[in-house]
């Protein structure tokens, strides 16, 4: 059974926004799209940019790395432009007002 770790409160992350949280020793990009939460590895495979600081496109369900514009699906971490370019996606649970992420 996957271990979920509390990383934030729902009140800390507005819809259409992202933030970086620490899960153990790993930086994870956490996003809110209309009350649905997503978690991705925070390191862009292109040049190591901070994915969690990127532009969130709520209509297409993507995030764009702020350094060079690489785009990734919030649900899967796969790039809609190049399926070989992706970031790891993690499972998210919301319990009450707690957002939890599993790295397993």
PDB file of N, CA and C in Angstrom:
ATOM      1  N   UNK A   1       0.845  -1.181   0.000  1.00  0.00           N
ATOM      2  CA  UNK A   1       0.000   0.000   0.000  1.00  0.00           C
ATOM      3  C   UNK A   1       0.891   1.245   0.000  1.00  0.00           C
ATOM      4  N   UNK A   2       0.558   2.194  -0.848  1.00  0.00           N
ATOM      5  CA  UNK A   2       1.349   3.420  -0.985  1.00  0.00           C
ATOM      6  C   UNK A   2       1.252   4.271   0.272  1.00  0.00           C
ATOM      7  N   UNK A   3       2.378   4.888   0.629  1.00  0.00           N
ATOM      8  CA  UNK A   3       2.411   5.805   1.763  1.00  0.00           C
ATOM      9  C   UNK A   3       2.217   7.224   1.255  1.00  0.00           C
ATOM     10  N   UNK A   4       1.183   7.902   1.759  1.00  0.00           N
ATOM     11  CA  UNK A   4       0.911   9.280   1.386  1.00  0.00           C
ATOM     12  C   UNK A   4       1.396  10.211   2.493  1.00  0.00           C
ATOM     13  N   UNK A   5       2.110  11.257   2.095  1.00  0.00           N
ATOM     14  CA  UNK A   5       2.715  12.190   3.025  1.00  0.00           C
ATOM     15  C   UNK A   5       2.048  13.552   2.866  1.00  0.00           C
ATOM     16  N   UNK A   6       1.622  14.151   3.985  1.00  0.00           N
ATOM     17  CA  UNK A   6       0.998  15.474   3.948  1.00  0.00           C
ATOM     18  C   UNK A   6       2.036  16.495   3.492  1.00  0.00           C
ATOM     19  N   UNK A   7       1.658  17.296   2.465  1.00  0.00           N
ATOM     20  CA  UNK A   7       2.588  18.287   1.928  1.00  0.00           C
ATOM     21  C   UNK A   7       2.056  19.715   2.007  1.00  0.00           C
ATOM     22  N   UNK A   8       0.736  19.885   2.120  1.00  0.00           N
ATOM     23  CA  UNK A   8       0.164  21.232   2.131  1.00  0.00           C
ATOM     24  C   UNK A   8      -1.291  21.167   2.565  1.00  0.00           C
ATOM     25  N   UNK A   9      -1.845  22.349   2.804  1.00  0.00           N
ATOM     26  CA  UNK A   9      -3.271  22.524   3.059  1.00  0.00           C
ATOM     27  C   UNK A   9      -3.901  23.035   1.757  1.00  0.00           C
ATOM     28  N   UNK A  10      -5.137  22.680   1.505  1.00  0.00           N
ATOM     29  CA  UNK A  10      -5.808  23.145   0.286  1.00  0.00           C
ATOM     30  C   UNK A  10      -5.867  24.665   0.221  1.00  0.00           C
ATOM     31  N   UNK A  11      -5.949  25.321   1.365  1.00  0.00           N
ATOM     32  CA  UNK A  11      -6.024  26.789   1.403  1.00  0.00           C
ATOM     33  C   UNK A  11      -4.720  27.460   0.970  1.00  0.00           C
ATOM     34  N   UNK A  12      -3.629  26.710   0.907  1.00  0.00           N
ATOM     35  CA  UNK A  12      -2.325  27.267   0.531  1.00  0.00           C
ATOM     36  C   UNK A  12      -2.118  27.355  -0.977  1.00  0.00           C
ATOM     37  N   UNK A  13      -2.991  26.714  -1.756  1.00  0.00           N
ATOM     38  CA  UNK A  13      -2.761  26.612  -3.194  1.00  0.00           C
ATOM     39  C   UNK A  13      -4.032  26.956  -3.966  1.00  0.00           C
ATOM     40  N   UNK A  14      -4.075  28.154  -4.521  1.00  0.00           N
ATOM     41  CA  UNK A  14      -5.235  28.614  -5.285  1.00  0.00           C
ATOM     42  C   UNK A  14      -5.326  27.882  -6.623  1.00  0.00           C
ATOM     43  N   UNK A  15      -6.524  27.811  -7.163  1.00  0.00           N
ATOM     44  CA  UNK A  15      -6.723  27.186  -8.471  1.00  0.00           C
ATOM     45  C   UNK A  15      -5.908  27.918  -9.534  1.00  0.00           C
ATOM     46  N   UNK A  16      -5.283  27.144 -10.400  1.00  0.00           N
ATOM     47  CA  UNK A  16      -4.465  27.714 -11.469  1.00  0.00           C
ATOM     48  C   UNK A  16      -3.045  28.019 -11.043  1.00  0.00           C
ATOM     49  N   UNK A  17      -2.690  27.612  -9.831  1.00  0.00           N
ATOM     50  CA  UNK A  17      -1.369  27.899  -9.298  1.00  0.00           C
ATOM     51  C   UNK A  17      -0.585  26.623  -9.020  1.00  0.00           C
ATOM     52  N   UNK A  18       0.711  26.796  -8.901  1.00  0.00           N
ATOM     53  CA  UNK A  18       1.599  25.716  -8.515  1.00  0.00           C
ATOM     54  C   UNK A  18       2.464  26.159  -7.359  1.00  0.00           C
ATOM     55  N   UNK A  19       3.050  25.198  -6.674  1.00  0.00           N
ATOM     56  CA  UNK A  19       3.987  25.478  -5.594  1.00  0.00           C
ATOM     57  C   UNK A  19       4.934  24.296  -5.484  1.00  0.00           C
ATOM     58  N   UNK A  20       6.077  24.531  -4.892  1.00  0.00           N
ATOM     59  CA  UNK A  20       7.050  23.467  -4.696  1.00  0.00           C
ATOM     60  C   UNK A  20       7.005  23.043  -3.237  1.00  0.00           C
ATOM     61  N   UNK A  21       6.912  21.726  -3.025  1.00  0.00           N
ATOM     62  CA  UNK A  21       6.898  21.160  -1.679  1.00  0.00           C
ATOM     63  C   UNK A  21       8.009  20.128  -1.586  1.00  0.00           C
ATOM     64  N   UNK A  22       8.443  19.861  -0.378  1.00  0.00           N
ATOM     65  CA  UNK A  22       9.459  18.838  -0.149  1.00  0.00           C
ATOM     66  C   UNK A  22       8.770  17.571   0.333  1.00  0.00           C
ATOM     67  N   UNK A  23       9.087  16.467  -0.318  1.00  0.00           N
ATOM     68  CA  UNK A  23       8.602  15.163   0.111  1.00  0.00           C
ATOM     69  C   UNK A  23       9.855  14.340   0.377  1.00  0.00           C
ATOM     70  N   UNK A  24      10.182  14.197   1.648  1.00  0.00           N
ATOM     71  CA  UNK A  24      11.465  13.608   2.006  1.00  0.00           C
ATOM     72  C   UNK A  24      12.565  14.540   1.529  1.00  0.00           C
ATOM     73  N   UNK A  25      13.458  14.025   0.695  1.00  0.00           N
ATOM     74  CA  UNK A  25      14.533  14.860   0.156  1.00  0.00           C
ATOM     75  C   UNK A  25      14.286  15.243  -1.301  1.00  0.00           C
ATOM     76  N   UNK A  26      13.043  15.145  -1.736  1.00  0.00           N
ATOM     77  CA  UNK A  26      12.710  15.400  -3.137  1.00  0.00           C
ATOM     78  C   UNK A  26      11.810  16.624  -3.282  1.00  0.00           C
ATOM     79  N   UNK A  27      12.135  17.471  -4.258  1.00  0.00           N
ATOM     80  CA  UNK A  27      11.298  18.632  -4.565  1.00  0.00           C
ATOM     81  C   UNK A  27      10.194  18.192  -5.524  1.00  0.00           C
ATOM     82  N   UNK A  28       8.962  18.459  -5.137  1.00  0.00           N
ATOM     83  CA  UNK A  28       7.796  18.056  -5.923  1.00  0.00           C
ATOM     84  C   UNK A  28       6.987  19.305  -6.260  1.00  0.00           C
ATOM     85  N   UNK A  29       6.576  19.409  -7.519  1.00  0.00           N
ATOM     86  CA  UNK A  29       5.719  20.504  -7.967  1.00  0.00           C
ATOM     87  C   UNK A  29       4.271  20.083  -7.760  1.00  0.00           C
ATOM     88  N   UNK A  30       3.527  20.885  -7.017  1.00  0.00           N
ATOM     89  CA  UNK A  30       2.137  20.596  -6.685  1.00  0.00           C
ATOM     90  C   UNK A  30       1.252  21.640  -7.347  1.00  0.00           C
ATOM     91  N   UNK A  31       0.150  21.206  -7.968  1.00  0.00           N
ATOM     92  CA  UNK A  31      -0.714  22.103  -8.725  1.00  0.00           C
ATOM     93  C   UNK A  31      -2.171  21.893  -8.349  1.00  0.00           C
ATOM     94  N   UNK A  32      -2.954  22.979  -8.483  1.00  0.00           N
ATOM     95  CA  UNK A  32      -4.390  22.949  -8.261  1.00  0.00           C
ATOM     96  C   UNK A  32      -5.071  23.431  -9.534  1.00  0.00           C
ATOM     97  N   UNK A  33      -5.940  22.590 -10.084  1.00  0.00           N
ATOM     98  CA  UNK A  33      -6.748  22.969 -11.240  1.00  0.00           C
ATOM     99  C   UNK A  33      -8.205  22.755 -10.854  1.00  0.00           C
ATOM    100  N   UNK A  34      -8.852  23.845 -10.481  1.00  0.00           N
ATOM    101  CA  UNK A  34     -10.272  23.812 -10.111  1.00  0.00           C
ATOM    102  C   UNK A  34     -10.569  22.772  -9.035  1.00  0.00           C
ATOM    103  N   UNK A  35      -9.696  22.690  -8.023  1.00  0.00           N
ATOM    104  CA  UNK A  35      -9.911  21.765  -6.916  1.00  0.00           C
ATOM    105  C   UNK A  35      -9.382  20.370  -7.137  1.00  0.00           C
ATOM    106  N   UNK A  36      -8.805  20.105  -8.286  1.00  0.00           N
ATOM    107  CA  UNK A  36      -8.153  18.820  -8.546  1.00  0.00           C
ATOM    108  C   UNK A  36      -6.650  19.053  -8.438  1.00  0.00           C
ATOM    109  N   UNK A  37      -5.992  18.205  -7.675  1.00  0.00           N
ATOM    110  CA  UNK A  37      -4.576  18.420  -7.378  1.00  0.00           C
ATOM    111  C   UNK A  37      -3.696  17.416  -8.125  1.00  0.00           C
ATOM    112  N   UNK A  38      -2.537  17.901  -8.553  1.00  0.00           N
ATOM    113  CA  UNK A  38      -1.578  17.104  -9.318  1.00  0.00           C
ATOM    114  C   UNK A  38      -0.186  17.323  -8.742  1.00  0.00           C
ATOM    115  N   UNK A  39       0.664  16.304  -8.853  1.00  0.00           N
ATOM    116  CA  UNK A  39       2.042  16.415  -8.377  1.00  0.00           C
ATOM    117  C   UNK A  39       2.984  15.847  -9.436  1.00  0.00           C
ATOM    118  N   UNK A  40       4.024  16.618  -9.733  1.00  0.00           N
ATOM    119  CA  UNK A  40       5.041  16.225 -10.705  1.00  0.00           C
ATOM    120  C   UNK A  40       6.423  16.449 -10.105  1.00  0.00           C
ATOM    121  N   UNK A  41       7.416  15.751 -10.661  1.00  0.00           N
ATOM    122  CA  UNK A  41       8.797  16.042 -10.296  1.00  0.00           C
ATOM    123  C   UNK A  41       9.052  17.507 -10.640  1.00  0.00           C
ATOM    124  N   UNK A  42       9.771  18.215  -9.804  1.00  0.00           N
ATOM    125  CA  UNK A  42       9.974  19.649 -10.007  1.00  0.00           C
ATOM    126  C   UNK A  42      11.103  19.978 -10.983  1.00  0.00           C
ATOM    127  N   UNK A  43      11.803  18.981 -11.504  1.00  0.00           N
ATOM    128  CA  UNK A  43      12.962  19.238 -12.356  1.00  0.00           C
ATOM    129  C   UNK A  43      12.626  18.945 -13.822  1.00  0.00           C
ATOM    130  N   UNK A  44      12.662  19.984 -14.650  1.00  0.00           N
ATOM    131  CA  UNK A  44      12.418  19.830 -16.084  1.00  0.00           C
ATOM    132  C   UNK A  44      13.582  19.053 -16.702  1.00  0.00           C
ATOM    133  N   UNK A  45      13.297  18.075 -17.573  1.00  0.00           N
ATOM    134  CA  UNK A  45      14.376  17.283 -18.171  1.00  0.00           C
ATOM    135  C   UNK A  45      15.229  18.058 -19.176  1.00  0.00           C
ATOM    136  N   UNK A  46      14.761  19.214 -19.600  1.00  0.00           N
ATOM    137  CA  UNK A  46      15.513  19.976 -20.591  1.00  0.00           C
ATOM    138  C   UNK A  46      16.784  20.579 -19.993  1.00  0.00           C
ATOM    139  N   UNK A  47      16.616  21.462 -19.021  1.00  0.00           N
ATOM    140  CA  UNK A  47      17.769  22.122 -18.397  1.00  0.00           C
ATOM    141  C   UNK A  47      17.629  22.235 -16.883  1.00  0.00           C
ATOM    142  N   UNK A  48      16.749  21.420 -16.310  1.00  0.00           N
ATOM    143  CA  UNK A  48      16.609  21.416 -14.855  1.00  0.00           C
ATOM    144  C   UNK A  48      15.774  22.543 -14.293  1.00  0.00           C
ATOM    145  N   UNK A  49      14.950  23.158 -15.129  1.00  0.00           N
ATOM    146  CA  UNK A  49      14.113  24.271 -14.685  1.00  0.00           C
ATOM    147  C   UNK A  49      13.106  23.862 -13.626  1.00  0.00           C
ATOM    148  N   UNK A  50      12.623  24.834 -12.847  1.00  0.00           N
ATOM    149  CA  UNK A  50      11.673  24.582 -11.759  1.00  0.00           C
ATOM    150  C   UNK A  50      10.231  24.482 -12.268  1.00  0.00           C
ATOM    151  N   UNK A  51       9.774  23.286 -12.530  1.00  0.00           N
ATOM    152  CA  UNK A  51       8.436  23.050 -13.091  1.00  0.00           C
ATOM    153  C   UNK A  51       7.350  23.682 -12.220  1.00  0.00           C
ATOM    154  N   UNK A  52       7.525  23.640 -10.915  1.00  0.00           N
ATOM    155  CA  UNK A  52       6.525  24.178  -9.991  1.00  0.00           C
ATOM    156  C   UNK A  52       6.332  25.674 -10.077  1.00  0.00           C
ATOM    157  N   UNK A  53       7.235  26.370 -10.751  1.00  0.00           N
ATOM    158  CA  UNK A  53       7.111  27.814 -10.935  1.00  0.00           C
ATOM    159  C   UNK A  53       6.562  28.161 -12.316  1.00  0.00           C
ATOM    160  N   UNK A  54       6.132  27.129 -13.053  1.00  0.00           N
ATOM    161  CA  UNK A  54       5.673  27.335 -14.419  1.00  0.00           C
ATOM    162  C   UNK A  54       4.249  27.825 -14.539  1.00  0.00           C
ATOM    163  N   UNK A  55       3.879  28.162 -15.786  1.00  0.00           N
ATOM    164  CA  UNK A  55       2.528  28.621 -16.116  1.00  0.00           C
ATOM    165  C   UNK A  55       1.584  27.421 -16.176  1.00  0.00           C
ATOM    166  N   UNK A  56       0.494  27.473 -15.416  1.00  0.00           N
ATOM    167  CA  UNK A  56      -0.505  26.413 -15.384  1.00  0.00           C
ATOM    168  C   UNK A  56      -1.623  26.762 -16.362  1.00  0.00           C
ATOM    169  N   UNK A  57      -1.855  25.875 -17.324  1.00  0.00           N
ATOM    170  CA  UNK A  57      -2.927  26.031 -18.293  1.00  0.00           C
ATOM    171  C   UNK A  57      -4.083  25.129 -17.844  1.00  0.00           C
ATOM    172  N   UNK A  58      -5.074  25.724 -17.180  1.00  0.00           N
ATOM    173  CA  UNK A  58      -6.194  24.953 -16.633  1.00  0.00           C
ATOM    174  C   UNK A  58      -7.078  24.355 -17.719  1.00  0.00           C
ATOM    175  N   UNK A  59      -7.147  24.972 -18.869  1.00  0.00           N
ATOM    176  CA  UNK A  59      -7.993  24.466 -19.952  1.00  0.00           C
ATOM    177  C   UNK A  59      -7.414  23.183 -20.539  1.00  0.00           C
ATOM    178  N   UNK A  60      -6.106  23.178 -20.793  1.00  0.00           N
ATOM    179  CA  UNK A  60      -5.460  22.013 -21.394  1.00  0.00           C
ATOM    180  C   UNK A  60      -4.862  21.051 -20.375  1.00  0.00           C
ATOM    181  N   UNK A  61      -4.871  21.423 -19.100  1.00  0.00           N
ATOM    182  CA  UNK A  61      -4.330  20.546 -18.056  1.00  0.00           C
ATOM    183  C   UNK A  61      -2.836  20.351 -18.164  1.00  0.00           C
ATOM    184  N   UNK A  62      -2.106  21.441 -18.451  1.00  0.00           N
ATOM    185  CA  UNK A  62      -0.663  21.354 -18.616  1.00  0.00           C
ATOM    186  C   UNK A  62       0.042  22.418 -17.775  1.00  0.00           C
ATOM    187  N   UNK A  63       1.344  22.226 -17.641  1.00  0.00           N
ATOM    188  CA  UNK A  63       2.204  23.231 -17.027  1.00  0.00           C
ATOM    189  C   UNK A  63       3.372  23.458 -17.979  1.00  0.00           C
ATOM    190  N   UNK A  64       3.795  24.708 -18.064  1.00  0.00           N
ATOM    191  CA  UNK A  64       4.896  25.091 -18.949  1.00  0.00           C
ATOM    192  C   UNK A  64       6.082  25.533 -18.096  1.00  0.00           C
ATOM    193  N   UNK A  65       7.229  24.878 -18.292  1.00  0.00           N
ATOM    194  CA  UNK A  65       8.428  25.227 -17.539  1.00  0.00           C
ATOM    195  C   UNK A  65       8.765  26.703 -17.793  1.00  0.00           C
ATOM    196  N   UNK A  66       9.072  27.461 -16.737  1.00  0.00           N
ATOM    197  CA  UNK A  66       9.320  28.894 -16.912  1.00  0.00           C
ATOM    198  C   UNK A  66      10.646  29.217 -17.610  1.00  0.00           C
ATOM    199  N   UNK A  67      11.563  28.285 -17.683  1.00  0.00           N
ATOM    200  CA  UNK A  67      12.864  28.600 -18.287  1.00  0.00           C
ATOM    201  C   UNK A  67      12.839  28.585 -19.805  1.00  0.00           C
ATOM    202  N   UNK A  68      12.305  27.523 -20.416  1.00  0.00           N
ATOM    203  CA  UNK A  68      12.371  27.407 -21.878  1.00  0.00           C
ATOM    204  C   UNK A  68      11.055  26.948 -22.511  1.00  0.00           C
ATOM    205  N   UNK A  69       9.980  26.915 -21.719  1.00  0.00           N
ATOM    206  CA  UNK A  69       8.665  26.664 -22.280  1.00  0.00           C
ATOM    207  C   UNK A  69       8.284  25.225 -22.543  1.00  0.00           C
ATOM    208  N   UNK A  70       9.079  24.272 -22.069  1.00  0.00           N
ATOM    209  CA  UNK A  70       8.676  22.875 -22.258  1.00  0.00           C
ATOM    210  C   UNK A  70       7.367  22.647 -21.502  1.00  0.00           C
ATOM    211  N   UNK A  71       6.450  21.896 -22.108  1.00  0.00           N
ATOM    212  CA  UNK A  71       5.112  21.705 -21.563  1.00  0.00           C
ATOM    213  C   UNK A  71       4.891  20.248 -21.178  1.00  0.00           C
ATOM    214  N   UNK A  72       4.192  20.043 -20.054  1.00  0.00           N
ATOM    215  CA  UNK A  72       3.929  18.697 -19.542  1.00  0.00           C
ATOM    216  C   UNK A  72       2.483  18.575 -19.084  1.00  0.00           C
ATOM    217  N   UNK A  73       1.900  17.396 -19.293  1.00  0.00           N
ATOM    218  CA  UNK A  73       0.565  17.094 -18.791  1.00  0.00           C
ATOM    219  C   UNK A  73       0.611  17.042 -17.273  1.00  0.00           C
ATOM    220  N   UNK A  74      -0.331  17.695 -16.624  1.00  0.00           N
ATOM    221  CA  UNK A  74      -0.393  17.638 -15.170  1.00  0.00           C
ATOM    222  C   UNK A  74      -0.789  16.243 -14.693  1.00  0.00           C
ATOM    223  N   UNK A  75      -1.581  15.538 -15.456  1.00  0.00           N
ATOM    224  CA  UNK A  75      -2.059  14.213 -15.061  1.00  0.00           C
ATOM    225  C   UNK A  75      -0.999  13.126 -15.219  1.00  0.00           C
ATOM    226  N   UNK A  76      -0.212  13.204 -16.298  1.00  0.00           N
ATOM    227  CA  UNK A  76       0.725  12.114 -16.586  1.00  0.00           C
ATOM    228  C   UNK A  76       2.195  12.509 -16.552  1.00  0.00           C
ATOM    229  N   UNK A  77       2.488  13.799 -16.671  1.00  0.00           N
ATOM    230  CA  UNK A  77       3.866  14.262 -16.738  1.00  0.00           C
ATOM    231  C   UNK A  77       4.472  14.173 -18.128  1.00  0.00           C
ATOM    232  N   UNK A  78       3.718  13.657 -19.096  1.00  0.00           N
ATOM    233  CA  UNK A  78       4.216  13.487 -20.461  1.00  0.00           C
ATOM    234  C   UNK A  78       4.046  14.780 -21.246  1.00  0.00           C
ATOM    235  N   UNK A  79       5.026  15.088 -22.071  1.00  0.00           N
ATOM    236  CA  UNK A  79       4.948  16.267 -22.924  1.00  0.00           C
ATOM    237  C   UNK A  79       3.997  16.002 -24.082  1.00  0.00           C
ATOM    238  N   UNK A  80       3.057  16.919 -24.357  1.00  0.00           N
ATOM    239  CA  UNK A  80       2.182  16.739 -25.516  1.00  0.00           C
ATOM    240  C   UNK A  80       2.907  17.018 -26.836  1.00  0.00           C
ATOM    241  N   UNK A  81       4.108  17.573 -26.757  1.00  0.00           N
ATOM    242  CA  UNK A  81       4.897  17.888 -27.948  1.00  0.00           C
ATOM    243  C   UNK A  81       5.864  16.761 -28.287  1.00  0.00           C
ATOM    244  N   UNK A  82       6.490  16.181 -27.255  1.00  0.00           N
ATOM    245  CA  UNK A  82       7.479  15.122 -27.441  1.00  0.00           C
ATOM    246  C   UNK A  82       7.272  14.083 -26.348  1.00  0.00           C
ATOM    247  N   UNK A  83       6.687  12.943 -26.685  1.00  0.00           N
ATOM    248  CA  UNK A  83       6.357  11.933 -25.680  1.00  0.00           C
ATOM    249  C   UNK A  83       7.589  11.330 -25.006  1.00  0.00           C
ATOM    250  N   UNK A  84       8.767  11.570 -25.549  1.00  0.00           N
ATOM    251  CA  UNK A  84       9.986  11.093 -24.908  1.00  0.00           C
ATOM    252  C   UNK A  84      10.453  12.041 -23.801  1.00  0.00           C
ATOM    253  N   UNK A  85       9.899  13.245 -23.781  1.00  0.00           N
ATOM    254  CA  UNK A  85      10.240  14.231 -22.750  1.00  0.00           C
ATOM    255  C   UNK A  85       9.133  14.219 -21.709  1.00  0.00           C
ATOM    256  N   UNK A  86       9.475  13.838 -20.500  1.00  0.00           N
ATOM    257  CA  UNK A  86       8.454  13.826 -19.462  1.00  0.00           C
ATOM    258  C   UNK A  86       9.074  14.020 -18.092  1.00  0.00           C
ATOM    259  N   UNK A  87       8.218  14.318 -17.142  1.00  0.00           N
ATOM    260  CA  UNK A  87       8.590  14.378 -15.739  1.00  0.00           C
ATOM    261  C   UNK A  87       7.734  13.349 -15.012  1.00  0.00           C
ATOM    262  N   UNK A  88       8.251  12.844 -13.932  1.00  0.00           N
ATOM    263  CA  UNK A  88       7.527  11.832 -13.180  1.00  0.00           C
ATOM    264  C   UNK A  88       6.294  12.443 -12.526  1.00  0.00           C
ATOM    265  N   UNK A  89       5.175  11.736 -12.617  1.00  0.00           N
ATOM    266  CA  UNK A  89       3.927  12.157 -11.978  1.00  0.00           C
ATOM    267  C   UNK A  89       3.702  11.293 -10.738  1.00  0.00           C
ATOM    268  N   UNK A  90       3.133  11.902  -9.699  1.00  0.00           N
ATOM    269  CA  UNK A  90       2.907  11.209  -8.440  1.00  0.00           C
ATOM    270  C   UNK A  90       1.430  11.223  -8.084  1.00  0.00           C
ATOM    271  N   UNK A  91       0.995  10.223  -7.314  1.00  0.00           N
ATOM    272  CA  UNK A  91      -0.384  10.153  -6.856  1.00  0.00           C
ATOM    273  C   UNK A  91      -0.627  11.191  -5.764  1.00  0.00           C
ATOM    274  N   UNK A  92      -1.822  11.781  -5.807  1.00  0.00           N
ATOM    275  CA  UNK A  92      -2.228  12.797  -4.830  1.00  0.00           C
ATOM    276  C   UNK A  92      -3.555  12.372  -4.214  1.00  0.00           C
ATOM    277  N   UNK A  93      -3.672  12.590  -2.910  1.00  0.00           N
ATOM    278  CA  UNK A  93      -4.929  12.389  -2.189  1.00  0.00           C
ATOM    279  C   UNK A  93      -5.254  13.661  -1.420  1.00  0.00           C
ATOM    280  N   UNK A  94      -6.533  13.969  -1.336  1.00  0.00           N
ATOM    281  CA  UNK A  94      -6.976  15.069  -0.487  1.00  0.00           C
ATOM    282  C   UNK A  94      -7.884  14.473   0.577  1.00  0.00           C
ATOM    283  N   UNK A  95      -7.514  14.711   1.832  1.00  0.00           N
ATOM    284  CA  UNK A  95      -8.306  14.251   2.968  1.00  0.00           C
ATOM    285  C   UNK A  95      -8.661  15.473   3.796  1.00  0.00           C
ATOM    286  N   UNK A  96      -9.929  15.850   3.776  1.00  0.00           N
ATOM    287  CA  UNK A  96     -10.346  17.076   4.440  1.00  0.00           C
ATOM    288  C   UNK A  96      -9.678  18.247   3.732  1.00  0.00           C
ATOM    289  N   UNK A  97      -8.844  18.984   4.464  1.00  0.00           N
ATOM    290  CA  UNK A  97      -8.123  20.096   3.837  1.00  0.00           C
ATOM    291  C   UNK A  97      -6.628  19.805   3.678  1.00  0.00           C
ATOM    292  N   UNK A  98      -6.241  18.536   3.844  1.00  0.00           N
ATOM    293  CA  UNK A  98      -4.839  18.140   3.704  1.00  0.00           C
ATOM    294  C   UNK A  98      -4.578  17.549   2.319  1.00  0.00           C
ATOM    295  N   UNK A  99      -3.511  18.024   1.688  1.00  0.00           N
ATOM    296  CA  UNK A  99      -3.073  17.466   0.406  1.00  0.00           C
ATOM    297  C   UNK A  99      -1.914  16.519   0.707  1.00  0.00           C
ATOM    298  N   UNK A 100      -2.019  15.295   0.208  1.00  0.00           N
ATOM    299  CA  UNK A 100      -0.995  14.283   0.463  1.00  0.00           C
ATOM    300  C   UNK A 100      -0.472  13.737  -0.866  1.00  0.00           C
ATOM    301  N   UNK A 101       0.822  13.425  -0.896  1.00  0.00           N
ATOM    302  CA  UNK A 101       1.474  12.911  -2.098  1.00  0.00           C
ATOM    303  C   UNK A 101       2.188  11.621  -1.766  1.00  0.00           C
ATOM    304  N   UNK A 102       2.157  10.680  -2.710  1.00  0.00           N
ATOM    305  CA  UNK A 102       2.911   9.432  -2.585  1.00  0.00           C
ATOM    306  C   UNK A 102       3.978   9.397  -3.661  1.00  0.00           C
ATOM    307  N   UNK A 103       5.207   9.092  -3.273  1.00  0.00           N
ATOM    308  CA  UNK A 103       6.298   8.938  -4.237  1.00  0.00           C
ATOM    309  C   UNK A 103       6.436   7.512  -4.730  1.00  0.00           C
ATOM    310  N   UNK A 104       5.637   6.601  -4.216  1.00  0.00           N
ATOM    311  CA  UNK A 104       5.728   5.188  -4.594  1.00  0.00           C
ATOM    312  C   UNK A 104       5.056   4.916  -5.914  1.00  0.00           C
TER     313      UNK A 104
END
